[in-house]
Amino acid sequence: MADMVNVAVDAMGGDNAPGEIVKGAVEAVNADERVKIFLVGRREAIEKELAGQTYDNARVEIIHAEEVIETAEPPVMAIRRKKDSSIVKAMHMVKDGTCDAFVSAGSTGAVLVGGQVLVGRIKGVERPPLAPLIPTENGAALLVDCGANVDARPSHLVQFAKMGSVYMENVMGVHNPRVGIVNIGAEEEKGNALVKETFPLLKNCPEINFIGSVEARDIPAGAADVIVCEAFVGNVVLKLYEGVGATLIKKVKTGMMSSLRSKIGAFLVKPALKKTLKAFDLEEYGGAPMLGLNGLVVKTHGSSKAVEIKNSVLQCVTFKEQRINDKIKEKITLEDE
């Protein structure tokens, strides 16, 4: 049997905690025998959610944490003051090696600060980015960065491209992944100062397969496997993806229920349509790993339901088995030599 993958889950983080969080964690345990879950949070609340669920008791453990870091709290202050919070306790479990990974739907700011301060960066990594998988016509692409570094420099974006390439090649199995930088046109001379300065650095980087600029409209068509940008642009791309996707699904459902004929048609196409829409559901891709840390930290949406928590935990298994952190270390070390 393969080595067990120990994952700390923030049971108190997110809009649907602890119910959906605990449910998703249990589903992950039932889906993969290599997973052991440490549910971190208020014991009584977690035990209440576990009651009546079927799972391997040996692979689900509760770690009591009395405090909860709320979304509106200043992240740095919260990490320093709330030592008994689910986020801080879980981060320490990753730092000391008790757990291989941490999954949270809680405060993004606290997770980002905790990741850098408590878990720590891999030596040589300048800025760890958040890198979610997003659906495209040709499968998933990695969007890096989507929320961690709004003031990124060109050297940061080059590292994003390298770390993103490692992730796509080893976790998603994409050979020689295509790297593109988000821009307002295909021409090399276009873009803001950051893009113009970064473009030649990516172009002259032999460790990546740089294909040039990628316009936002080309992202859903699968123009690149690794999509590089600073966090402001990346977050706008991600949120627009979510909004347009939800609106389209709503419109399709409304249209199909508008008449007897459309209802009959909906019945006939339902299986194929359901499969297609599922492929464009961001929840199916899990959370956003924070690349470049000494341990794996995965941030999921604040509104995460059980399916996203489950998939976020399962992606931690592949991350560990493929030794992603070791490969990132090798890539960054080569850069420094």
Protein backbone atom coordinates (compact mmCIF):
# COMPACT_ATOMS: atom_id res chain seq x y z
CA MET A 1 0.00 0.00 0.00
CA ALA A 2 1.22 3.52 -0.80
CA ASP A 3 2.26 5.87 1.99
CA MET A 4 -0.56 7.59 3.82
CA VAL A 5 -1.17 11.23 2.91
CA ASN A 6 -2.04 13.25 6.01
CA VAL A 7 -4.21 16.30 5.32
CA ALA A 8 -5.22 18.92 7.88
CA VAL A 9 -8.61 20.42 7.04
CA ASP A 10 -9.84 23.72 8.47
CA ALA A 11 -13.25 22.57 9.68
CA MET A 12 -14.29 26.07 10.75
CA GLY A 13 -13.36 28.03 7.60
CA GLY A 14 -15.80 29.15 4.92
CA ASP A 15 -19.45 30.08 4.53
CA ASN A 16 -20.64 26.48 4.85
CA ALA A 17 -18.49 25.36 7.77
CA PRO A 18 -18.45 23.02 9.49
CA GLY A 19 -21.15 20.98 7.69
CA GLU A 20 -19.97 20.96 4.09
CA ILE A 21 -16.31 20.94 5.12
CA VAL A 22 -16.68 17.83 7.27
CA LYS A 23 -18.84 16.14 4.66
CA GLY A 24 -16.26 16.77 1.93
CA ALA A 25 -13.43 15.50 4.14
CA VAL A 26 -15.33 12.28 4.85
CA GLU A 27 -16.05 11.83 1.14
CA ALA A 28 -12.33 12.15 0.42
CA VAL A 29 -11.51 9.47 3.01
CA ASN A 30 -14.11 7.16 1.48
CA ALA A 31 -12.82 7.86 -2.04
CA ASP A 32 -9.13 7.14 -1.42
CA GLU A 33 -7.68 4.75 1.15
CA ARG A 34 -4.38 6.66 1.12
CA VAL A 35 -5.99 9.69 2.80
CA LYS A 36 -6.00 10.45 6.51
CA ILE A 37 -7.84 13.58 7.61
CA PHE A 38 -7.17 15.77 10.62
CA LEU A 39 -10.26 17.94 11.13
CA VAL A 40 -9.07 21.06 12.96
CA GLY A 41 -11.64 23.15 14.81
CA ARG A 42 -14.17 23.04 17.63
CA ARG A 43 -14.49 19.41 18.67
CA GLU A 44 -18.17 19.51 19.63
CA ALA A 45 -19.22 21.08 16.33
CA ILE A 46 -17.13 18.61 14.31
CA GLU A 47 -18.42 15.57 16.23
CA LYS A 48 -21.97 16.71 15.59
CA GLU A 49 -21.34 16.78 11.83
CA LEU A 50 -19.58 13.40 11.88
CA ALA A 51 -22.46 11.73 13.68
CA GLY A 52 -24.33 9.36 11.39
CA GLN A 53 -21.68 9.39 8.64
CA THR A 54 -19.90 6.22 7.58
CA TYR A 55 -16.10 6.30 7.36
CA ASP A 56 -12.93 4.61 8.59
CA ASN A 57 -12.48 5.92 12.14
CA ALA A 58 -8.75 5.23 11.96
CA ARG A 59 -8.38 7.78 9.15
CA VAL A 60 -10.33 10.69 10.62
CA GLU A 61 -8.99 12.51 13.66
CA ILE A 62 -10.23 15.67 15.37
CA ILE A 63 -7.75 18.31 16.55
CA HIS A 64 -9.49 20.77 18.83
CA ALA A 65 -8.99 24.47 18.13
CA GLU A 66 -11.17 26.86 20.05
CA GLU A 67 -10.65 30.04 18.02
CA VAL A 68 -11.80 30.92 14.51
CA ILE A 69 -10.19 33.57 12.27
CA GLU A 70 -12.98 35.51 10.60
CA THR A 71 -12.75 36.82 7.04
CA ALA A 72 -12.91 40.49 8.07
CA GLU A 73 -10.01 40.27 10.55
CA PRO A 74 -6.62 41.79 9.68
CA PRO A 75 -4.66 38.67 8.60
CA VAL A 76 -1.26 39.42 10.19
CA MET A 77 -2.77 40.37 13.53
CA ALA A 78 -5.10 37.35 13.50
CA ILE A 79 -2.24 34.91 12.82
CA ARG A 80 -0.19 36.44 15.64
CA ARG A 81 -2.96 36.64 18.25
CA LYS A 82 -5.15 33.62 17.56
CA LYS A 83 -2.68 30.82 18.29
CA ASP A 84 -5.54 28.43 19.08
CA SER A 85 -7.34 28.99 15.77
CA SER A 86 -7.99 26.24 13.25
CA ILE A 87 -5.82 27.94 10.61
CA VAL A 88 -2.79 28.49 12.86
CA LYS A 89 -2.92 25.03 14.42
CA ALA A 90 -3.27 23.33 11.04
CA MET A 91 -0.40 25.36 9.56
CA HIS A 92 1.86 24.25 12.42
CA MET A 93 0.92 20.64 11.69
CA VAL A 94 2.23 21.10 8.14
CA LYS A 95 5.33 22.93 9.36
CA ASP A 96 6.29 20.22 11.87
CA GLY A 97 5.62 17.40 9.40
CA THR A 98 2.57 15.93 11.15
CA CYS A 99 0.60 16.66 7.98
CA ASP A 100 1.58 16.77 4.33
CA ALA A 101 -1.00 19.40 3.38
CA PHE A 102 -3.56 21.89 4.65
CA VAL A 103 -6.92 22.68 3.03
CA SER A 104 -8.99 25.72 4.01
CA ALA A 105 -12.04 27.62 2.77
CA GLY A 106 -11.41 30.27 5.42
CA SER A 107 -9.88 33.75 5.34
CA THR A 108 -7.75 34.08 2.21
CA GLY A 109 -5.56 36.71 3.84
CA ALA A 110 -4.89 34.56 6.90
CA VAL A 111 -4.10 31.52 4.74
CA LEU A 112 -1.66 33.54 2.60
CA VAL A 113 0.06 35.09 5.62
CA GLY A 114 0.13 31.81 7.52
CA GLY A 115 1.54 29.99 4.53
CA GLN A 116 4.50 32.34 4.23
CA VAL A 117 5.11 33.03 7.94
CA LEU A 118 4.33 29.66 9.52
CA VAL A 119 4.93 27.05 6.79
CA GLY A 120 7.62 29.12 5.11
CA ARG A 121 8.87 29.53 1.54
CA ILE A 122 11.16 27.17 -0.32
CA LYS A 123 14.64 28.72 -0.40
CA GLY A 124 14.93 30.85 -3.52
CA VAL A 125 11.20 31.34 -4.05
CA GLU A 126 10.51 35.07 -4.02
CA ARG A 127 6.69 35.09 -3.85
CA PRO A 128 4.45 32.01 -3.52
CA PRO A 129 1.43 32.36 -5.87
CA LEU A 130 -2.06 30.92 -5.68
CA ALA A 131 -2.58 28.65 -8.68
CA PRO A 132 -6.06 27.25 -9.36
CA LEU A 133 -6.94 24.92 -12.20
CA ILE A 134 -9.57 26.37 -14.53
CA PRO A 135 -11.57 24.54 -17.22
CA THR A 136 -10.87 25.05 -20.92
CA GLU A 137 -11.97 23.43 -24.16
CA ASN A 138 -8.85 21.23 -24.08
CA GLY A 139 -8.90 20.30 -20.40
CA ALA A 140 -7.65 22.17 -17.35
CA ALA A 141 -5.20 25.07 -17.38
CA LEU A 142 -3.31 26.54 -14.43
CA LEU A 143 -3.92 30.21 -13.64
CA VAL A 144 -0.98 31.62 -11.70
CA ASP A 145 -1.32 33.99 -9.80
CA CYS A 146 -4.99 34.45 -8.87
CA GLY A 147 -4.80 36.33 -5.59
CA ALA A 148 -1.55 36.31 -3.64
CA ASN A 149 0.68 38.96 -5.26
CA VAL A 150 -0.94 42.08 -6.71
CA ASP A 151 2.40 43.90 -6.76
CA ALA A 152 4.41 41.21 -8.53
CA ARG A 153 7.66 41.96 -10.32
CA PRO A 154 8.92 40.40 -13.58
CA SER A 155 11.20 37.98 -11.70
CA HIS A 156 8.18 36.76 -9.72
CA LEU A 157 6.24 36.01 -12.91
CA VAL A 158 9.17 34.03 -14.30
CA GLN A 159 9.16 31.89 -11.17
CA PHE A 160 5.37 31.51 -11.46
CA ALA A 161 5.88 30.13 -14.97
CA LYS A 162 8.51 27.65 -13.81
CA MET A 163 6.53 26.41 -10.79
CA GLY A 164 3.33 26.25 -12.85
CA SER A 165 5.09 24.16 -15.48
CA VAL A 166 6.28 21.71 -12.82
CA TYR A 167 2.73 21.40 -11.50
CA MET A 168 1.07 20.87 -14.88
CA GLU A 169 3.64 18.35 -16.06
CA ASN A 170 3.65 16.23 -12.91
CA VAL A 171 0.15 16.61 -11.45
CA MET A 172 -1.87 16.96 -14.64
CA GLY A 173 0.39 14.91 -16.91
CA VAL A 174 0.79 17.62 -19.56
CA HIS A 175 4.05 17.08 -21.42
CA ASN A 176 6.04 20.26 -22.03
CA PRO A 177 3.16 22.56 -20.95
CA ARG A 178 2.61 25.73 -22.98
CA VAL A 179 3.14 28.92 -20.99
CA GLY A 180 1.40 32.16 -21.94
CA ILE A 181 1.31 35.59 -20.30
CA VAL A 182 -2.05 37.40 -20.09
CA ASN A 183 -1.98 40.45 -22.32
CA ILE A 184 -4.27 42.85 -24.21
CA GLY A 185 -2.97 41.71 -27.60
CA ALA A 186 -0.81 39.07 -29.24
CA GLU A 187 1.98 41.45 -30.24
CA GLU A 188 5.12 41.44 -28.10
CA GLU A 189 5.20 45.23 -27.80
CA LYS A 190 1.71 45.42 -26.24
CA GLY A 191 0.82 45.44 -22.56
CA ASN A 192 1.57 47.40 -19.42
CA ALA A 193 5.06 47.94 -18.00
CA LEU A 194 5.03 44.65 -16.08
CA VAL A 195 4.06 42.56 -19.11
CA LYS A 196 6.52 44.34 -21.42
CA GLU A 197 9.38 43.74 -18.99
CA THR A 198 8.41 40.15 -18.25
CA PHE A 199 7.83 39.03 -21.87
CA PRO A 200 11.52 38.90 -22.94
CA LEU A 201 12.48 37.15 -19.69
CA LEU A 202 9.96 34.39 -20.37
CA LYS A 203 10.93 34.27 -24.03
CA ASN A 204 14.57 33.68 -23.12
CA CYS A 205 13.89 31.15 -20.37
CA PRO A 206 14.99 27.70 -21.64
CA GLU A 207 13.23 25.84 -18.81
CA ILE A 208 9.71 26.62 -20.00
CA ASN A 209 7.73 26.30 -23.23
CA PHE A 210 6.77 29.95 -23.66
CA ILE A 211 4.28 30.61 -26.46
CA GLY A 212 3.83 34.36 -26.00
CA SER A 213 0.87 36.53 -25.09
CA VAL A 214 -2.60 35.13 -24.42
CA GLU A 215 -5.69 37.32 -24.59
CA ALA A 216 -8.44 36.68 -22.05
CA ARG A 217 -10.88 35.50 -24.73
CA ASP A 218 -8.44 32.75 -25.74
CA ILE A 219 -8.10 31.28 -22.24
CA PRO A 220 -11.35 29.23 -22.32
CA ALA A 221 -10.34 27.87 -25.74
CA GLY A 222 -7.23 26.31 -24.18
CA ALA A 223 -4.61 28.61 -25.72
CA ALA A 224 -2.11 27.80 -22.94
CA ASP A 225 -1.60 25.23 -20.20
CA VAL A 226 0.02 27.65 -17.74
CA ILE A 227 -1.44 31.16 -17.72
CA VAL A 228 0.88 33.68 -16.05
CA CYS A 229 -0.21 37.03 -14.61
CA GLU A 230 -0.04 39.08 -11.44
CA ALA A 231 -2.78 38.53 -8.87
CA PHE A 232 -5.04 41.48 -9.75
CA VAL A 233 -5.44 40.34 -13.35
CA GLY A 234 -5.64 36.68 -12.33
CA ASN A 235 -8.38 37.31 -9.80
CA VAL A 236 -10.43 39.24 -12.35
CA VAL A 237 -10.05 36.37 -14.84
CA LEU A 238 -11.07 33.81 -12.21
CA LYS A 239 -14.08 35.77 -10.93
CA LEU A 240 -15.29 36.49 -14.47
CA TYR A 241 -15.00 32.77 -15.22
CA GLU A 242 -17.16 31.98 -12.19
CA GLY A 243 -19.73 34.65 -12.95
CA VAL A 244 -20.14 33.87 -16.65
CA GLY A 245 -20.26 30.13 -15.96
CA ALA A 246 -22.98 30.47 -13.33
CA THR A 247 -25.00 32.84 -15.55
CA LEU A 248 -24.78 30.56 -18.61
CA ILE A 249 -25.89 27.51 -16.63
CA LYS A 250 -28.83 29.49 -15.21
CA LYS A 251 -29.82 30.75 -18.67
CA VAL A 252 -29.58 27.26 -20.21
CA LYS A 253 -31.80 25.79 -17.49
CA THR A 254 -34.34 28.60 -17.84
CA GLY A 255 -34.43 28.22 -21.63
CA MET A 256 -34.94 24.47 -21.44
CA MET A 257 -37.92 24.87 -19.13
CA SER A 258 -39.61 27.60 -21.20
CA SER A 259 -41.97 25.39 -23.25
CA LEU A 260 -43.18 21.81 -23.65
CA ARG A 261 -40.97 21.31 -26.70
CA SER A 262 -37.86 22.60 -24.88
CA LYS A 263 -38.65 20.37 -21.90
CA ILE A 264 -38.77 17.31 -24.15
CA GLY A 265 -35.49 18.38 -25.74
CA ALA A 266 -33.98 18.93 -22.28
CA PHE A 267 -34.91 15.39 -21.28
CA LEU A 268 -33.18 13.98 -24.36
CA VAL A 269 -29.95 15.97 -24.01
CA LYS A 270 -29.75 15.93 -20.20
CA PRO A 271 -27.04 13.22 -19.83
CA ALA A 272 -24.70 14.79 -22.41
CA LEU A 273 -25.37 18.32 -21.16
CA LYS A 274 -24.77 17.33 -17.54
CA LYS A 275 -21.40 15.81 -18.46
CA THR A 276 -20.39 18.91 -20.43
CA LEU A 277 -21.43 21.36 -17.72
CA LYS A 278 -19.62 19.29 -15.08
CA ALA A 279 -16.37 19.70 -17.02
CA PHE A 280 -16.75 23.48 -16.70
CA ASP A 281 -17.61 23.43 -12.98
CA LEU A 282 -14.70 24.97 -11.04
CA GLU A 283 -15.61 22.90 -7.96
CA GLU A 284 -14.57 19.77 -9.82
CA TYR A 285 -10.97 20.99 -9.97
CA GLY A 286 -10.39 21.44 -6.26
CA GLY A 287 -8.74 24.44 -4.66
CA ALA A 288 -5.79 26.67 -5.46
CA PRO A 289 -2.43 25.37 -4.19
CA MET A 290 0.00 27.96 -2.88
CA LEU A 291 3.10 27.01 -4.85
CA GLY A 292 6.60 27.43 -3.49
CA LEU A 293 6.06 26.68 0.21
CA ASN A 294 7.85 24.08 2.32
CA GLY A 295 4.54 22.25 2.64
CA LEU A 296 1.32 22.18 0.63
CA VAL A 297 -1.35 24.78 1.43
CA VAL A 298 -4.56 24.70 -0.63
CA LYS A 299 -7.09 27.55 -0.56
CA THR A 300 -10.63 26.77 -1.66
CA HIS A 301 -13.52 29.15 -2.30
CA GLY A 302 -15.18 30.63 0.77
CA SER A 303 -18.47 29.24 -0.53
CA SER A 304 -17.03 25.74 -1.04
CA LYS A 305 -19.39 22.80 -0.86
CA ALA A 306 -18.41 19.22 -0.04
CA VAL A 307 -17.39 18.35 -3.61
CA GLU A 308 -14.71 21.08 -3.74
CA ILE A 309 -13.33 20.09 -0.33
CA LYS A 310 -13.20 16.45 -1.41
CA ASN A 311 -11.40 17.28 -4.67
CA SER A 312 -9.00 19.63 -2.88
CA VAL A 313 -8.00 16.84 -0.50
CA LEU A 314 -7.58 14.35 -3.34
CA GLN A 315 -5.30 16.71 -5.27
CA CYS A 316 -3.02 16.72 -2.21
CA VAL A 317 -2.41 13.00 -2.78
CA THR A 318 -1.06 13.57 -6.29
CA PHE A 319 0.95 16.57 -5.10
CA LYS A 320 2.76 14.43 -2.51
CA GLU A 321 3.19 11.33 -4.66
CA GLN A 322 4.70 13.36 -7.51
CA ARG A 323 7.07 15.16 -5.11
CA ILE A 324 6.04 18.56 -6.45
CA ASN A 325 7.87 20.52 -3.76
CA ASP A 326 11.10 18.62 -4.38
CA LYS A 327 10.83 19.31 -8.10
CA ILE A 328 10.16 23.01 -7.49
CA LYS A 329 13.22 23.11 -5.23
CA GLU A 330 15.29 21.54 -8.00
CA LYS A 331 13.99 24.07 -10.53
CA ILE A 332 14.65 27.09 -8.28
CA THR A 333 18.09 25.76 -7.26
CA LEU A 334 19.07 25.45 -10.93
CA GLU A 335 17.95 29.03 -11.39
CA ASP A 336 20.25 30.24 -8.62
CA GLU A 337 23.34 28.36 -9.81
